[in-house]
C-alpha cells in the first residue's frame, strides 16, 4: 500500500507531457517576420488552417513568449511553436517538429514563407 501511495505521489508531482508526434529530439526551424507579434500569430493561424492543421494556444513562457501547439486533423500535436517579439515591429517564431515528418517540415516552411510578407 505504501508503494502505491508513493507511486501516485510521484506521478502527481512529475506530471506528464504530451509530446504528440514531436519526439524528444525535434528538428527546429526559426522564422523571422517584419510585423508585430499579434499579426504574425494571426497569419500563422490562418496558414495552419490552409495546411489543414490547427493552431492551439498553450501556456506562455516567461519573458513574453507565446506558445502554441500545431495539431493535425486527428488533434495530434505535430509541432510546437514559440513566438516572441524581439523589437518594436519584428517577431521570431521557433518551430519544433519530428525529424521524420517531411510533410510537417513542408507545412512549417510554407507557413513561414507566406507569413514572412506580413506587414505592420
N, C-alpha and C. Protein backbone atom coordinates (compact mmCIF):
# COMPACT_ATOMS: atom_id res chain seq x y z
N UNK A 1 0.82 -1.19 0.00
CA UNK A 1 0.00 0.00 0.00
C UNK A 1 0.87 1.25 0.00
N UNK A 2 1.97 1.19 0.74
CA UNK A 2 2.87 2.33 0.82
C UNK A 2 3.48 2.62 -0.56
N UNK A 3 3.80 1.57 -1.32
CA UNK A 3 4.37 1.75 -2.66
C UNK A 3 3.36 2.42 -3.59
N UNK A 4 2.11 2.00 -3.49
CA UNK A 4 1.07 2.59 -4.35
C UNK A 4 0.91 4.07 -4.07
N UNK A 5 0.92 4.45 -2.79
CA UNK A 5 0.77 5.86 -2.46
C UNK A 5 1.99 6.66 -2.91
N UNK A 6 3.18 6.07 -2.82
CA UNK A 6 4.39 6.75 -3.28
C UNK A 6 4.36 6.92 -4.80
N UNK A 7 3.91 5.90 -5.51
CA UNK A 7 3.82 5.96 -6.96
C UNK A 7 2.82 7.04 -7.39
N UNK A 8 1.70 7.09 -6.74
CA UNK A 8 0.69 8.10 -7.04
C UNK A 8 1.23 9.50 -6.78
N UNK A 9 1.93 9.67 -5.68
CA UNK A 9 2.51 10.98 -5.35
C UNK A 9 3.55 11.38 -6.40
N UNK A 10 4.37 10.45 -6.84
CA UNK A 10 5.39 10.75 -7.86
C UNK A 10 4.74 11.15 -9.18
N UNK A 11 3.70 10.45 -9.56
CA UNK A 11 3.00 10.77 -10.81
C UNK A 11 2.39 12.16 -10.75
N UNK A 12 1.82 12.51 -9.61
CA UNK A 12 1.20 13.82 -9.46
C UNK A 12 2.25 14.93 -9.47
N UNK A 13 3.39 14.71 -8.85
CA UNK A 13 4.42 15.73 -8.77
C UNK A 13 5.19 15.88 -10.07
N UNK A 14 5.40 14.79 -10.78
CA UNK A 14 6.18 14.84 -12.01
C UNK A 14 5.39 15.35 -13.19
N UNK A 15 4.10 15.04 -13.23
CA UNK A 15 3.28 15.46 -14.35
C UNK A 15 3.58 14.64 -15.59
N UNK A 16 2.82 14.88 -16.60
CA UNK A 16 3.01 14.17 -17.87
C UNK A 16 3.01 15.20 -18.98
N UNK A 17 3.83 14.99 -19.95
CA UNK A 17 3.89 15.88 -21.11
C UNK A 17 3.44 15.09 -22.33
N UNK A 18 2.53 15.69 -23.08
CA UNK A 18 2.08 15.08 -24.31
C UNK A 18 3.00 15.55 -25.43
N UNK A 19 3.94 14.71 -25.82
CA UNK A 19 4.86 15.07 -26.89
C UNK A 19 4.23 14.97 -28.26
N UNK A 20 3.11 14.26 -28.35
CA UNK A 20 2.48 14.07 -29.64
C UNK A 20 3.45 13.40 -30.59
N UNK A 21 3.55 13.93 -31.80
CA UNK A 21 4.47 13.39 -32.80
C UNK A 21 5.80 14.13 -32.84
N UNK A 22 6.02 15.04 -31.90
CA UNK A 22 7.20 15.90 -31.95
C UNK A 22 8.47 15.14 -31.57
N UNK A 23 8.44 14.25 -30.67
CA UNK A 23 9.56 13.43 -30.17
C UNK A 23 10.44 14.21 -29.20
N UNK A 24 11.34 13.51 -28.55
CA UNK A 24 12.23 14.14 -27.57
C UNK A 24 13.37 14.92 -28.22
N UNK A 25 13.69 14.64 -29.48
CA UNK A 25 14.79 15.32 -30.18
C UNK A 25 14.25 15.92 -31.47
N UNK A 26 13.51 17.02 -31.35
CA UNK A 26 12.88 17.58 -32.55
C UNK A 26 13.84 18.35 -33.45
N UNK A 27 13.41 18.47 -34.68
CA UNK A 27 14.04 19.35 -35.66
C UNK A 27 13.55 20.77 -35.32
N UNK A 28 14.37 21.78 -35.55
CA UNK A 28 13.94 23.15 -35.27
C UNK A 28 14.13 24.03 -36.49
N UNK A 29 13.22 24.96 -36.65
CA UNK A 29 13.28 25.95 -37.71
C UNK A 29 12.85 27.27 -37.11
N UNK A 30 13.53 28.34 -37.46
CA UNK A 30 13.16 29.67 -36.97
C UNK A 30 12.74 30.54 -38.13
N UNK A 31 11.63 31.24 -37.93
CA UNK A 31 11.16 32.21 -38.91
C UNK A 31 11.25 33.61 -38.32
N UNK A 32 11.65 34.57 -39.14
CA UNK A 32 11.72 35.98 -38.72
C UNK A 32 10.74 36.78 -39.55
N UNK A 33 10.00 37.66 -38.89
CA UNK A 33 8.92 38.39 -39.53
C UNK A 33 9.02 39.88 -39.21
N UNK A 34 8.77 40.72 -40.20
CA UNK A 34 8.75 42.17 -40.00
C UNK A 34 7.33 42.60 -39.70
N UNK A 35 6.84 42.20 -38.55
CA UNK A 35 5.47 42.53 -38.14
C UNK A 35 5.36 42.35 -36.63
N UNK A 36 4.33 42.96 -36.08
CA UNK A 36 4.06 42.81 -34.65
C UNK A 36 3.62 41.37 -34.37
N UNK A 37 3.87 40.93 -33.16
CA UNK A 37 3.61 39.53 -32.79
C UNK A 37 2.16 39.11 -33.03
N UNK A 38 1.18 39.96 -32.70
CA UNK A 38 -0.22 39.55 -32.88
C UNK A 38 -0.55 39.32 -34.36
N UNK A 39 0.00 40.15 -35.24
CA UNK A 39 -0.23 39.95 -36.68
C UNK A 39 0.39 38.65 -37.18
N UNK A 40 1.59 38.35 -36.69
CA UNK A 40 2.25 37.10 -37.07
C UNK A 40 1.46 35.90 -36.57
N UNK A 41 1.00 35.96 -35.32
CA UNK A 41 0.22 34.84 -34.77
C UNK A 41 -1.07 34.63 -35.54
N UNK A 42 -1.73 35.72 -35.95
CA UNK A 42 -2.95 35.58 -36.75
C UNK A 42 -2.66 34.98 -38.10
N UNK A 43 -1.56 35.40 -38.71
CA UNK A 43 -1.17 34.83 -40.01
C UNK A 43 -0.84 33.35 -39.88
N UNK A 44 -0.07 32.99 -38.85
CA UNK A 44 0.26 31.57 -38.65
C UNK A 44 -0.99 30.73 -38.45
N UNK A 45 -1.96 31.28 -37.73
CA UNK A 45 -3.22 30.54 -37.52
C UNK A 45 -3.95 30.33 -38.84
N UNK A 46 -4.02 31.37 -39.66
CA UNK A 46 -4.68 31.26 -40.97
C UNK A 46 -3.95 30.27 -41.87
N UNK A 47 -2.63 30.37 -41.91
CA UNK A 47 -1.85 29.47 -42.77
C UNK A 47 -1.88 28.03 -42.27
N UNK A 48 -1.97 27.84 -40.96
CA UNK A 48 -2.13 26.48 -40.44
C UNK A 48 -3.43 25.87 -40.98
N UNK A 49 -4.51 26.65 -40.96
CA UNK A 49 -5.78 26.15 -41.49
C UNK A 49 -5.66 25.84 -42.99
N UNK A 50 -4.92 26.67 -43.72
CA UNK A 50 -4.71 26.40 -45.15
C UNK A 50 -3.92 25.12 -45.38
N UNK A 51 -3.12 24.71 -44.41
CA UNK A 51 -2.35 23.47 -44.48
C UNK A 51 -3.11 22.29 -43.86
N UNK A 52 -4.38 22.52 -43.53
CA UNK A 52 -5.24 21.50 -42.87
C UNK A 52 -4.71 21.12 -41.50
N UNK A 53 -4.18 22.13 -40.82
CA UNK A 53 -3.69 21.99 -39.45
C UNK A 53 -4.41 23.03 -38.59
N UNK A 54 -4.17 22.98 -37.30
CA UNK A 54 -4.83 23.91 -36.40
C UNK A 54 -3.84 24.37 -35.34
N UNK A 55 -3.86 25.67 -35.07
CA UNK A 55 -3.00 26.25 -34.04
C UNK A 55 -3.80 26.34 -32.74
N UNK A 56 -3.22 25.85 -31.66
CA UNK A 56 -3.89 25.87 -30.36
C UNK A 56 -2.95 26.54 -29.35
N UNK A 57 -3.44 27.57 -28.67
CA UNK A 57 -2.62 28.28 -27.69
C UNK A 57 -2.26 27.37 -26.53
N UNK A 58 -1.04 27.52 -26.03
CA UNK A 58 -0.56 26.78 -24.87
C UNK A 58 -0.16 27.81 -23.82
N UNK A 59 0.29 27.37 -22.68
CA UNK A 59 0.71 28.29 -21.63
C UNK A 59 1.92 29.10 -22.11
N UNK A 60 1.92 30.41 -21.88
CA UNK A 60 3.07 31.22 -22.30
C UNK A 60 4.31 30.94 -21.46
N UNK A 61 5.45 31.25 -22.03
CA UNK A 61 6.72 31.12 -21.33
C UNK A 61 7.08 32.46 -20.69
N UNK A 62 7.96 32.46 -19.71
CA UNK A 62 8.41 33.72 -19.13
C UNK A 62 9.06 34.61 -20.20
N UNK A 63 8.99 35.89 -19.98
CA UNK A 63 9.62 36.82 -20.92
C UNK A 63 8.73 37.21 -22.08
N UNK A 64 7.45 36.88 -22.01
CA UNK A 64 6.52 37.28 -23.07
C UNK A 64 6.55 36.42 -24.31
N UNK A 65 6.92 35.17 -24.17
CA UNK A 65 6.95 34.24 -25.30
C UNK A 65 5.62 33.47 -25.34
N UNK A 66 4.91 33.57 -26.45
CA UNK A 66 3.66 32.83 -26.62
C UNK A 66 3.97 31.46 -27.19
N UNK A 67 3.29 30.44 -26.65
CA UNK A 67 3.49 29.07 -27.14
C UNK A 67 2.21 28.55 -27.77
N UNK A 68 2.39 27.73 -28.80
CA UNK A 68 1.26 27.12 -29.49
C UNK A 68 1.59 25.68 -29.81
N UNK A 69 0.55 24.86 -29.92
CA UNK A 69 0.66 23.51 -30.44
C UNK A 69 0.07 23.54 -31.84
N UNK A 70 0.71 22.87 -32.77
CA UNK A 70 0.18 22.71 -34.11
C UNK A 70 -0.40 21.31 -34.18
N UNK A 71 -1.69 21.24 -34.46
CA UNK A 71 -2.42 19.96 -34.43
C UNK A 71 -2.82 19.54 -35.84
N UNK A 72 -2.82 18.22 -36.07
CA UNK A 72 -3.31 17.69 -37.34
C UNK A 72 -4.81 17.44 -37.25
N UNK A 73 -5.38 16.84 -38.30
CA UNK A 73 -6.82 16.60 -38.34
C UNK A 73 -7.30 15.64 -37.25
N UNK A 74 -6.41 14.80 -36.74
CA UNK A 74 -6.75 13.86 -35.68
C UNK A 74 -6.51 14.47 -34.29
N UNK A 75 -6.23 15.77 -34.23
CA UNK A 75 -5.97 16.51 -33.00
C UNK A 75 -4.70 16.03 -32.29
N UNK A 76 -3.73 15.51 -33.06
CA UNK A 76 -2.44 15.11 -32.52
C UNK A 76 -1.47 16.29 -32.66
N UNK A 77 -0.64 16.49 -31.65
CA UNK A 77 0.36 17.55 -31.71
C UNK A 77 1.45 17.13 -32.69
N UNK A 78 1.63 17.93 -33.75
CA UNK A 78 2.65 17.62 -34.75
C UNK A 78 3.81 18.61 -34.70
N UNK A 79 3.63 19.72 -34.00
CA UNK A 79 4.71 20.71 -33.84
C UNK A 79 4.39 21.63 -32.67
N UNK A 80 5.47 22.20 -32.12
CA UNK A 80 5.34 23.25 -31.11
C UNK A 80 5.86 24.52 -31.73
N UNK A 81 5.25 25.64 -31.36
CA UNK A 81 5.69 26.93 -31.88
C UNK A 81 5.83 27.90 -30.72
N UNK A 82 6.95 28.62 -30.68
CA UNK A 82 7.17 29.67 -29.69
C UNK A 82 7.35 30.98 -30.46
N UNK A 83 6.50 31.97 -30.14
CA UNK A 83 6.50 33.25 -30.85
C UNK A 83 6.90 34.35 -29.87
N UNK A 84 7.87 35.16 -30.28
CA UNK A 84 8.34 36.26 -29.42
C UNK A 84 8.69 37.47 -30.27
N UNK A 85 8.35 38.64 -29.75
CA UNK A 85 8.78 39.87 -30.39
C UNK A 85 10.21 40.17 -29.95
N UNK A 86 11.06 40.62 -30.90
CA UNK A 86 12.42 40.95 -30.49
C UNK A 86 12.77 42.40 -30.79
N UNK A 87 11.86 43.15 -31.35
CA UNK A 87 11.97 44.60 -31.45
C UNK A 87 10.55 45.12 -31.65
N UNK A 88 10.43 46.41 -31.84
CA UNK A 88 9.08 47.01 -31.90
C UNK A 88 8.19 46.38 -32.96
N UNK A 89 8.72 46.15 -34.14
CA UNK A 89 7.90 45.59 -35.23
C UNK A 89 8.54 44.37 -35.86
N UNK A 90 9.25 43.59 -35.07
CA UNK A 90 9.84 42.35 -35.59
C UNK A 90 9.52 41.21 -34.62
N UNK A 91 9.28 40.05 -35.20
CA UNK A 91 8.86 38.88 -34.43
C UNK A 91 9.62 37.66 -34.93
N UNK A 92 9.92 36.76 -34.01
CA UNK A 92 10.52 35.48 -34.40
C UNK A 92 9.60 34.36 -33.95
N UNK A 93 9.65 33.27 -34.66
CA UNK A 93 8.87 32.08 -34.31
C UNK A 93 9.78 30.87 -34.43
N UNK A 94 9.87 30.11 -33.36
CA UNK A 94 10.68 28.89 -33.33
C UNK A 94 9.73 27.71 -33.46
N UNK A 95 9.95 26.85 -34.44
CA UNK A 95 9.12 25.68 -34.70
C UNK A 95 9.89 24.42 -34.31
N UNK A 96 9.25 23.52 -33.61
CA UNK A 96 9.83 22.24 -33.20
C UNK A 96 8.94 21.14 -33.76
N UNK A 97 9.51 20.19 -34.51
CA UNK A 97 8.73 19.11 -35.11
C UNK A 97 9.61 17.88 -35.28
N UNK A 98 8.96 16.74 -35.48
CA UNK A 98 9.68 15.47 -35.60
C UNK A 98 10.52 15.47 -36.88
N UNK A 99 11.77 15.00 -36.79
CA UNK A 99 12.64 15.00 -37.98
C UNK A 99 12.20 14.03 -39.07
N UNK A 100 11.39 13.06 -38.72
CA UNK A 100 10.96 12.07 -39.72
C UNK A 100 9.56 12.38 -40.28
N UNK A 101 9.17 13.65 -40.25
CA UNK A 101 7.86 14.08 -40.76
C UNK A 101 8.04 15.15 -41.84
N UNK A 102 8.39 14.75 -43.08
CA UNK A 102 8.63 15.75 -44.13
C UNK A 102 7.40 16.58 -44.47
N UNK A 103 6.21 16.03 -44.31
CA UNK A 103 5.00 16.81 -44.60
C UNK A 103 4.85 17.97 -43.62
N UNK A 104 5.20 17.74 -42.37
CA UNK A 104 5.13 18.81 -41.37
C UNK A 104 6.22 19.84 -41.63
N UNK A 105 7.41 19.38 -41.98
CA UNK A 105 8.50 20.31 -42.31
C UNK A 105 8.09 21.20 -43.49
N UNK A 106 7.43 20.65 -44.47
CA UNK A 106 6.96 21.43 -45.62
C UNK A 106 5.87 22.40 -45.21
N UNK A 107 4.95 21.97 -44.35
CA UNK A 107 3.89 22.86 -43.87
C UNK A 107 4.48 24.03 -43.10
N UNK A 108 5.48 23.76 -42.26
CA UNK A 108 6.14 24.82 -41.50
C UNK A 108 6.83 25.79 -42.45
N UNK A 109 7.55 25.29 -43.45
CA UNK A 109 8.23 26.14 -44.41
C UNK A 109 7.24 27.02 -45.16
N UNK A 110 6.10 26.47 -45.52
CA UNK A 110 5.06 27.23 -46.22
C UNK A 110 4.49 28.31 -45.32
N UNK A 111 4.23 27.97 -44.06
CA UNK A 111 3.70 28.96 -43.11
C UNK A 111 4.68 30.12 -42.95
N UNK A 112 5.97 29.81 -42.82
CA UNK A 112 6.98 30.86 -42.66
C UNK A 112 7.05 31.72 -43.92
N UNK A 113 7.06 31.09 -45.09
CA UNK A 113 7.15 31.84 -46.35
C UNK A 113 5.95 32.75 -46.55
N UNK A 114 4.77 32.28 -46.27
CA UNK A 114 3.57 33.08 -46.50
C UNK A 114 3.40 34.17 -45.47
N UNK A 115 3.81 33.93 -44.24
CA UNK A 115 3.67 34.94 -43.20
C UNK A 115 4.85 35.88 -43.16
N UNK A 116 5.91 35.56 -43.87
CA UNK A 116 7.06 36.43 -43.93
C UNK A 116 6.77 37.76 -44.59
N UNK A 117 5.70 37.82 -45.36
CA UNK A 117 5.33 39.06 -46.03
C UNK A 117 4.31 39.87 -45.23
N UNK A 118 4.00 39.42 -44.00
CA UNK A 118 3.09 40.16 -43.16
C UNK A 118 3.72 41.50 -42.83
N UNK A 119 2.95 42.56 -42.92
CA UNK A 119 3.49 43.88 -42.58
C UNK A 119 2.65 44.48 -41.46
N UNK A 120 3.25 45.38 -40.74
CA UNK A 120 2.51 46.08 -39.70
C UNK A 120 3.05 45.79 -38.40
